[in-house]
Amino acid sequence: MPVIHLRATPRPGVADAINGVRTAVAAVIGEDPAGTWCTFAPLDIAEPQIVYLDPWMLSRDATVDGAVLSAACEAAAAGLGAPVEDVWGTLSHVEPGRVFAGGGLIVSEERTR
């Protein structure tokens, strides 16, 4: 289950950006968008429009990981109406046995309770 933390200067389109990011990431990894969580936190700056994304997920492979990061950043830019050049993203890999989510410890693609 990927988790994407989206931070940007407040503007209309936040809900569209969140849904777009979830849908884009799910399409890349072949999962249901409901399995991708996305949070939003406003940045307290006025200019320029800046968007930060911090996706966290188990590594699939370098190609898929890069595609996830690109898709998330492009979807956030589109949803917020920001130039893609103003988007910064860093993908963080979570390690099995080091994340608790969905009621249990994630040890692989599955959880234990």
Protein backbone atom coordinates (compact mmCIF):
# COMPACT_ATOMS: atom_id res chain seq x y z
CA MET A 1 0.00 0.00 0.00
CA PRO A 2 1.75 3.18 -1.13
CA VAL A 3 1.32 6.30 0.98
CA ILE A 4 1.92 9.66 -0.67
CA HIS A 5 2.36 12.83 1.35
CA LEU A 6 1.51 15.85 -0.80
CA ARG A 7 2.43 19.35 0.33
CA ALA A 8 1.73 22.48 -1.67
CA THR A 9 0.69 26.08 -1.43
CA PRO A 10 -3.10 26.05 -0.89
CA ARG A 11 -5.18 26.45 -4.02
CA PRO A 12 -8.31 25.03 -5.62
CA GLY A 13 -7.93 21.53 -6.95
CA VAL A 14 -6.51 19.79 -3.88
CA ALA A 15 -9.18 17.06 -3.97
CA ASP A 16 -8.58 16.57 -7.70
CA ALA A 17 -4.83 16.37 -7.12
CA ILE A 18 -5.23 13.78 -4.35
CA ASN A 19 -7.54 11.63 -6.47
CA GLY A 20 -5.30 12.04 -9.51
CA VAL A 21 -2.21 10.98 -7.59
CA ARG A 22 -3.96 7.94 -6.11
CA THR A 23 -5.30 6.88 -9.51
CA ALA A 24 -2.00 7.42 -11.33
CA VAL A 25 0.05 5.49 -8.77
CA ALA A 26 -2.47 2.63 -8.66
CA ALA A 27 -2.39 2.38 -12.46
CA VAL A 28 1.40 2.01 -12.47
CA ILE A 29 1.46 -0.73 -9.84
CA GLY A 30 -1.71 -2.46 -11.03
CA GLU A 31 -3.72 -2.02 -7.84
CA ASP A 32 -7.02 -0.47 -6.80
CA PRO A 33 -6.74 3.30 -6.10
CA ALA A 34 -8.39 2.67 -2.72
CA GLY A 35 -5.18 0.88 -1.70
CA THR A 36 -3.11 4.03 -2.22
CA TRP A 37 -3.33 6.62 0.54
CA CYS A 38 -2.64 10.28 -0.11
CA THR A 39 -2.44 13.07 2.47
CA PHE A 40 -2.28 16.82 1.93
CA ALA A 41 -0.64 19.51 4.04
CA PRO A 42 -0.61 23.18 3.04
CA LEU A 43 2.66 25.06 2.76
CA ASP A 44 2.70 28.52 4.30
CA ILE A 45 4.37 30.39 1.44
CA ALA A 46 2.88 32.57 -1.25
CA GLU A 47 5.17 32.49 -4.28
CA PRO A 48 5.95 30.55 -6.32
CA GLN A 49 3.59 27.60 -6.50
CA ILE A 50 5.63 24.75 -5.02
CA VAL A 51 4.55 21.14 -4.76
CA TYR A 52 6.37 18.45 -2.76
CA LEU A 53 5.55 14.75 -2.91
CA ASP A 54 6.93 12.09 -0.59
CA PRO A 55 5.72 8.65 -1.75
CA TRP A 56 6.48 5.77 0.63
CA MET A 57 6.19 2.20 -0.59
CA LEU A 58 7.80 -1.19 -0.75
CA SER A 59 10.24 -1.28 -3.66
CA ARG A 60 9.02 -3.12 -6.75
CA ASP A 61 12.04 -2.48 -8.99
CA ALA A 62 13.84 0.63 -10.24
CA THR A 63 11.70 0.93 -13.37
CA VAL A 64 8.38 0.67 -11.52
CA ASP A 65 9.58 2.87 -8.66
CA GLY A 66 10.62 5.59 -11.12
CA ALA A 67 7.32 5.30 -12.98
CA VAL A 68 5.40 5.66 -9.70
CA LEU A 69 7.34 8.80 -8.75
CA SER A 70 6.89 10.36 -12.20
CA ALA A 71 3.18 9.52 -12.36
CA ALA A 72 2.55 10.93 -8.87
CA CYS A 73 4.40 14.18 -9.61
CA GLU A 74 2.71 14.69 -12.98
CA ALA A 75 -0.76 13.97 -11.51
CA ALA A 76 -0.18 16.40 -8.63
CA ALA A 77 0.90 19.13 -11.06
CA ALA A 78 -2.15 18.56 -13.25
CA GLY A 79 -4.58 18.45 -10.31
CA LEU A 80 -3.19 21.63 -8.74
CA GLY A 81 -2.71 23.47 -12.02
CA ALA A 82 0.99 23.89 -11.27
CA PRO A 83 3.80 23.65 -13.78
CA VAL A 84 5.43 20.23 -13.54
CA GLU A 85 8.74 22.09 -13.24
CA ASP A 86 7.57 23.32 -9.80
CA VAL A 87 7.08 19.79 -8.46
CA TRP A 88 9.67 18.01 -6.32
CA GLY A 89 9.33 14.38 -5.34
CA THR A 90 11.38 11.87 -3.41
CA LEU A 91 10.36 8.22 -3.20
CA SER A 92 11.20 6.49 0.08
CA HIS A 93 11.33 2.73 0.30
CA VAL A 94 9.83 1.16 3.36
CA GLU A 95 11.37 -2.04 4.57
CA PRO A 96 9.41 -5.16 5.49
CA GLY A 97 9.10 -5.46 9.25
CA ARG A 98 9.48 -1.70 9.77
CA VAL A 99 5.99 -0.43 8.95
CA PHE A 100 2.73 -0.93 10.81
CA ALA A 101 -0.37 -0.23 8.72
CA GLY A 102 -3.84 -1.63 8.20
CA GLY A 103 -3.87 -3.25 11.62
CA GLY A 104 -0.63 -5.18 11.32
CA LEU A 105 3.06 -5.25 10.59
CA ILE A 106 3.89 -5.24 6.89
CA VAL A 107 6.36 -8.04 6.20
CA SER A 108 5.96 -8.14 2.43
CA GLU A 109 3.04 -7.29 0.19
CA GLU A 110 0.90 -8.78 2.98
CA ARG A 111 0.38 -7.89 6.63
CA THR A 112 0.61 -9.98 9.76
CA ARG A 113 -1.61 -9.36 12.76
